Amino acid sequence: METILRRREDLLSLFRFVVGVLFACHGIAKLFGMFGGKTVTFGSWPSWFSAVIEFGGGLAVMLGVGTRIAALLCSGEMAYAYFTTHQPKALWPIENGGELAAVYSWVFLLIAIVGPGSYTLTKLWQRAHQPSLTE
């Protein structure tokens, strides 16, 4: 357990990366018809906008760029999807087919709260552009 706690930030980075990749795949499927997905009509509400959020937000979360804001946006998008599409069909996610939307909403909220972890593109960029002591 001690080892896991020491590696918490590293594990959080891995978790964030995997969630971002999986979420971006949903956007790619809707925008480009890949992975067996059907493309959505450009500009259609809410399908096209959700696809853009899924692709862009998933990519931002995966890379660790604006992670908290992107994760909060993704969480809200999934909550909206759950309450407008799934919840009217039945009360419980297991009954209305909304488990994935509910889980993604909570997972992204968690990422927004706890942060991106130790490995992010933002931190890498900041380190690269930090003035050295020899200058």
Protein backbone atom coordinates (compact mmCIF):
# COMPACT_ATOMS: atom_id res chain seq x y z
CA MET A 1 0.00 0.00 0.00
CA GLU A 2 2.88 2.34 0.79
CA THR A 3 4.27 1.85 -2.73
CA ILE A 4 0.90 2.68 -4.28
CA LEU A 5 0.64 5.86 -2.21
CA ARG A 6 4.13 6.91 -3.30
CA ARG A 7 3.18 6.38 -6.93
CA ARG A 8 -0.24 8.06 -6.59
CA GLU A 9 0.50 10.93 -9.00
CA ASP A 10 2.02 8.57 -11.57
CA LEU A 11 -0.99 6.24 -11.38
CA LEU A 12 -3.31 9.21 -11.67
CA SER A 13 -1.51 10.23 -14.88
CA LEU A 14 -1.97 6.73 -16.29
CA PHE A 15 -5.66 6.72 -15.30
CA ARG A 16 -6.18 10.15 -16.88
CA PHE A 17 -4.42 9.07 -20.09
CA VAL A 18 -6.49 5.89 -20.50
CA VAL A 19 -9.80 7.65 -19.78
CA GLY A 20 -8.89 10.42 -22.24
CA VAL A 21 -8.05 7.94 -25.01
CA LEU A 22 -11.26 5.98 -24.51
CA PHE A 23 -13.40 9.12 -24.42
CA ALA A 24 -11.72 10.63 -27.50
CA CYS A 25 -12.53 7.40 -29.38
CA HIS A 26 -16.25 8.13 -28.88
CA GLY A 27 -15.78 11.54 -30.48
CA ILE A 28 -13.71 10.10 -33.33
CA ALA A 29 -16.41 7.51 -34.01
CA LYS A 30 -19.11 10.20 -34.20
CA LEU A 31 -17.11 12.78 -36.16
CA PHE A 32 -15.29 10.53 -38.62
CA GLY A 33 -17.26 7.27 -38.62
CA MET A 34 -14.29 5.26 -37.37
CA PHE A 35 -14.54 2.24 -35.06
CA GLY A 36 -17.89 1.31 -36.56
CA GLY A 37 -19.56 4.57 -35.53
CA LYS A 38 -22.11 6.53 -37.51
CA THR A 39 -21.13 10.10 -38.32
CA VAL A 40 -23.26 12.92 -36.97
CA THR A 41 -24.46 15.81 -39.10
CA PHE A 42 -22.24 18.87 -38.89
CA GLY A 43 -23.66 21.41 -36.44
CA SER A 44 -26.56 19.22 -35.29
CA TRP A 45 -27.67 19.75 -31.70
CA PRO A 46 -26.64 18.09 -29.46
CA SER A 47 -24.96 15.24 -31.36
CA TRP A 48 -22.27 17.15 -33.22
CA PHE A 49 -21.40 19.34 -30.24
CA SER A 50 -21.13 16.32 -27.94
CA ALA A 51 -18.86 14.62 -30.48
CA VAL A 52 -16.59 17.68 -30.56
CA ILE A 53 -16.47 17.75 -26.74
CA GLU A 54 -15.75 14.02 -26.62
CA PHE A 55 -12.93 14.27 -29.14
CA GLY A 56 -11.39 17.56 -28.01
CA GLY A 57 -12.02 17.05 -24.31
CA GLY A 58 -10.77 13.48 -24.42
CA LEU A 59 -7.64 14.61 -26.24
CA ALA A 60 -7.00 17.43 -23.74
CA VAL A 61 -7.49 15.09 -20.78
CA MET A 62 -5.30 12.44 -22.39
CA LEU A 63 -2.45 14.90 -23.02
CA GLY A 64 -2.85 16.79 -19.76
CA VAL A 65 -3.54 20.21 -21.30
CA GLY A 66 -6.14 22.28 -19.45
CA THR A 67 -7.05 19.04 -17.74
CA ARG A 68 -9.32 20.31 -14.98
CA ILE A 69 -11.39 22.52 -17.29
CA ALA A 70 -11.58 19.85 -20.00
CA ALA A 71 -12.57 17.19 -17.46
CA LEU A 72 -15.27 19.44 -16.00
CA LEU A 73 -16.65 20.10 -19.50
CA CYS A 74 -16.63 16.36 -20.29
CA SER A 75 -18.31 15.60 -16.96
CA GLY A 76 -21.06 18.11 -17.71
CA GLU A 77 -21.54 16.76 -21.21
CA MET A 78 -21.99 13.23 -19.89
CA ALA A 79 -24.36 14.39 -17.14
CA TYR A 80 -26.41 16.21 -19.81
CA ALA A 81 -26.43 13.08 -21.98
CA TYR A 82 -27.53 10.97 -19.04
CA PHE A 83 -30.36 13.21 -17.87
CA THR A 84 -31.73 14.06 -21.33
CA THR A 85 -31.31 10.73 -23.11
CA HIS A 86 -31.18 7.94 -20.55
CA GLN A 87 -32.88 8.99 -17.33
CA PRO A 88 -36.32 9.67 -18.89
CA LYS A 89 -36.47 5.97 -19.91
CA ALA A 90 -36.08 4.59 -16.37
CA LEU A 91 -34.78 5.60 -12.95
CA TRP A 92 -31.67 3.42 -12.65
CA PRO A 93 -28.72 3.47 -15.09
CA ILE A 94 -28.83 -0.33 -15.37
CA GLU A 95 -32.42 -0.04 -16.59
CA ASN A 96 -32.02 2.90 -18.95
CA GLY A 97 -28.70 2.04 -20.62
CA GLY A 98 -26.96 5.06 -19.14
CA GLU A 99 -24.22 3.33 -17.13
CA LEU A 100 -21.42 4.55 -19.39
CA ALA A 101 -22.64 8.16 -19.36
CA ALA A 102 -23.02 8.09 -15.57
CA VAL A 103 -19.61 6.52 -15.00
CA TYR A 104 -17.85 8.92 -17.40
CA SER A 105 -19.55 11.87 -15.70
CA TRP A 106 -18.29 10.83 -12.27
CA VAL A 107 -14.82 9.84 -13.54
CA PHE A 108 -14.31 13.22 -15.21
CA LEU A 109 -15.57 15.02 -12.12
CA LEU A 110 -12.98 13.11 -10.09
CA ILE A 111 -10.21 14.09 -12.52
CA ALA A 112 -11.33 17.73 -12.37
CA ILE A 113 -11.13 17.65 -8.57
CA VAL A 114 -7.91 15.67 -7.97
CA GLY A 115 -5.97 17.03 -10.94
CA PRO A 116 -3.99 15.54 -13.79
CA GLY A 117 -1.18 13.72 -11.99
CA SER A 118 2.55 14.10 -12.49
CA TYR A 119 2.93 13.61 -16.25
CA THR A 120 1.24 16.25 -18.39
CA LEU A 121 2.09 18.07 -21.57
CA THR A 122 1.59 21.35 -19.68
CA LYS A 123 4.22 20.45 -17.07
CA LEU A 124 6.61 19.27 -19.78
CA TRP A 125 6.19 22.56 -21.65
CA GLN A 126 6.68 24.58 -18.46
CA ARG A 127 9.90 22.70 -17.65
CA ALA A 128 11.22 23.24 -21.17
CA HIS A 129 10.55 26.98 -21.02
CA GLN A 130 11.80 27.58 -17.50
CA PRO A 131 14.82 29.90 -17.45
CA SER A 132 17.98 28.11 -16.38
CA LEU A 133 20.22 29.37 -13.59
CA THR A 134 23.16 29.75 -16.00
CA GLU A 135 21.45 32.37 -18.17
